[in-house]
Amino acid sequence: MNLREVLKEFYRLKFGQEFGREAQKLEEVFIFLLFADYFGLSTPLKFYLIELYPELVEEFHKWHKKLGLVNSPLDWIKCC
């Protein structure tokens, strides 16, 4: 194993997991903001996010599965 591979592995172990956790937190906040308007919370992002809705239904599906819900918690979003 050369020095480059050792440093690459060190970086991955030291910082890679932390970056992954932060990315996951940001994704969860983004999904919450996307659907916050439907929960009754007014957000200024609704005008920007309406175009992304078709692409993010799959992300919503992953989100509610991660929460442990078998089906969508919202009756009007049929992702399953």
C-alpha atoms as a PDB file:
ATOM      1  CA  MET A   1       0.000   0.000   0.000  1.00  0.00           C
ATOM      2  CA  ASN A   2       1.531   3.307  -1.002  1.00  0.00           C
ATOM      3  CA  LEU A   3       1.246   6.629   0.804  1.00  0.00           C
ATOM      4  CA  ARG A   4      -1.442   7.936  -1.559  1.00  0.00           C
ATOM      5  CA  GLU A   5      -3.765   5.007  -0.817  1.00  0.00           C
ATOM      6  CA  VAL A   6      -3.135   5.303   2.920  1.00  0.00           C
ATOM      7  CA  LEU A   7      -3.979   9.011   2.912  1.00  0.00           C
ATOM      8  CA  LYS A   8      -7.052   8.425   0.769  1.00  0.00           C
ATOM      9  CA  GLU A   9      -8.331   5.767   3.177  1.00  0.00           C
ATOM     10  CA  PHE A  10      -7.557   7.981   6.183  1.00  0.00           C
ATOM     11  CA  TYR A  11      -9.525  10.836   4.654  1.00  0.00           C
ATOM     12  CA  ARG A  12     -12.461   8.559   3.843  1.00  0.00           C
ATOM     13  CA  LEU A  13     -12.596   7.170   7.375  1.00  0.00           C
ATOM     14  CA  LYS A  14     -12.005  10.492   9.126  1.00  0.00           C
ATOM     15  CA  PHE A  15     -14.217  12.832   7.112  1.00  0.00           C
ATOM     16  CA  GLY A  16     -16.339  10.732   4.763  1.00  0.00           C
ATOM     17  CA  GLN A  17     -18.825   9.566   7.390  1.00  0.00           C
ATOM     18  CA  GLU A  18     -19.292  13.078   8.755  1.00  0.00           C
ATOM     19  CA  PHE A  19     -19.937  14.494   5.286  1.00  0.00           C
ATOM     20  CA  GLY A  20     -22.405  11.694   4.658  1.00  0.00           C
ATOM     21  CA  ARG A  21     -24.309  12.455   7.864  1.00  0.00           C
ATOM     22  CA  GLU A  22     -24.466  16.163   7.037  1.00  0.00           C
ATOM     23  CA  ALA A  23     -25.700  15.409   3.527  1.00  0.00           C
ATOM     24  CA  GLN A  24     -28.415  13.177   4.984  1.00  0.00           C
ATOM     25  CA  LYS A  25     -29.508  15.926   7.403  1.00  0.00           C
ATOM     26  CA  LEU A  26     -29.700  18.454   4.578  1.00  0.00           C
ATOM     27  CA  GLU A  27     -31.731  16.048   2.482  1.00  0.00           C
ATOM     28  CA  GLU A  28     -34.187  15.502   5.338  1.00  0.00           C
ATOM     29  CA  VAL A  29     -34.617  19.261   5.824  1.00  0.00           C
ATOM     30  CA  PHE A  30     -35.137  19.689   2.096  1.00  0.00           C
ATOM     31  CA  ILE A  31     -37.812  16.984   1.988  1.00  0.00           C
ATOM     32  CA  PHE A  32     -39.519  18.521   5.017  1.00  0.00           C
ATOM     33  CA  LEU A  33     -39.553  21.959   3.383  1.00  0.00           C
ATOM     34  CA  LEU A  34     -40.898  20.456   0.198  1.00  0.00           C
ATOM     35  CA  PHE A  35     -43.913  18.971   1.928  1.00  0.00           C
ATOM     36  CA  ALA A  36     -44.304  21.532   4.729  1.00  0.00           C
ATOM     37  CA  ASP A  37     -46.851  23.493   2.748  1.00  0.00           C
ATOM     38  CA  TYR A  38     -49.056  20.413   2.539  1.00  0.00           C
ATOM     39  CA  PHE A  39     -48.853  20.033   6.300  1.00  0.00           C
ATOM     40  CA  GLY A  40     -50.178  23.569   6.666  1.00  0.00           C
ATOM     41  CA  LEU A  41     -46.892  25.379   7.210  1.00  0.00           C
ATOM     42  CA  SER A  42     -46.410  28.302   4.893  1.00  0.00           C
ATOM     43  CA  THR A  43     -42.983  28.491   3.272  1.00  0.00           C
ATOM     44  CA  PRO A  44     -41.611  30.805   0.585  1.00  0.00           C
ATOM     45  CA  LEU A  45     -40.024  27.820  -1.138  1.00  0.00           C
ATOM     46  CA  LYS A  46     -43.313  26.449  -2.469  1.00  0.00           C
ATOM     47  CA  PHE A  47     -43.091  28.476  -5.656  1.00  0.00           C
ATOM     48  CA  TYR A  48     -39.606  27.183  -6.415  1.00  0.00           C
ATOM     49  CA  LEU A  49     -40.267  23.578  -5.470  1.00  0.00           C
ATOM     50  CA  ILE A  50     -43.503  22.968  -7.364  1.00  0.00           C
ATOM     51  CA  GLU A  51     -41.522  22.228 -10.533  1.00  0.00           C
ATOM     52  CA  LEU A  52     -39.496  19.584  -8.705  1.00  0.00           C
ATOM     53  CA  TYR A  53     -42.514  17.742  -7.295  1.00  0.00           C
ATOM     54  CA  PRO A  54     -42.631  14.901  -9.878  1.00  0.00           C
ATOM     55  CA  GLU A  55     -38.961  14.105  -9.392  1.00  0.00           C
ATOM     56  CA  LEU A  56     -39.146  14.236  -5.605  1.00  0.00           C
ATOM     57  CA  VAL A  57     -42.062  11.872  -5.072  1.00  0.00           C
ATOM     58  CA  GLU A  58     -39.534   9.030  -5.057  1.00  0.00           C
ATOM     59  CA  GLU A  59     -37.495  10.878  -2.415  1.00  0.00           C
ATOM     60  CA  PHE A  60     -40.677  11.261  -0.351  1.00  0.00           C
ATOM     61  CA  HIS A  61     -41.192   7.512  -0.632  1.00  0.00           C
ATOM     62  CA  LYS A  62     -37.669   6.846   0.706  1.00  0.00           C
ATOM     63  CA  TRP A  63     -38.259   9.394   3.483  1.00  0.00           C
ATOM     64  CA  HIS A  64     -41.429   7.792   4.840  1.00  0.00           C
ATOM     65  CA  LYS A  65     -39.871   4.319   4.539  1.00  0.00           C
ATOM     66  CA  LYS A  66     -36.918   5.559   6.605  1.00  0.00           C
ATOM     67  CA  LEU A  67     -39.389   6.759   9.238  1.00  0.00           C
ATOM     68  CA  GLY A  68     -40.772   3.228   9.440  1.00  0.00           C
ATOM     69  CA  LEU A  69     -44.082   3.929   7.722  1.00  0.00           C
ATOM     70  CA  VAL A  70     -45.109   1.212   5.280  1.00  0.00           C
ATOM     71  CA  ASN A  71     -47.413   3.450   3.222  1.00  0.00           C
ATOM     72  CA  SER A  72     -47.454   7.168   2.581  1.00  0.00           C
ATOM     73  CA  PRO A  73     -48.651   9.068   5.669  1.00  0.00           C
ATOM     74  CA  LEU A  74     -50.542  11.462   3.408  1.00  0.00           C
ATOM     75  CA  ASP A  75     -53.673  10.260   1.643  1.00  0.00           C
ATOM     76  CA  TRP A  76     -53.232  12.548  -1.342  1.00  0.00           C
ATOM     77  CA  ILE A  77     -49.637  11.454  -2.126  1.00  0.00           C
ATOM     78  CA  LYS A  78     -49.694   7.991  -3.616  1.00  0.00           C
ATOM     79  CA  CYS A  79     -46.072   6.966  -3.920  1.00  0.00           C
ATOM     80  CA  CYS A  80     -46.423   3.297  -2.985  1.00  0.00           C
END
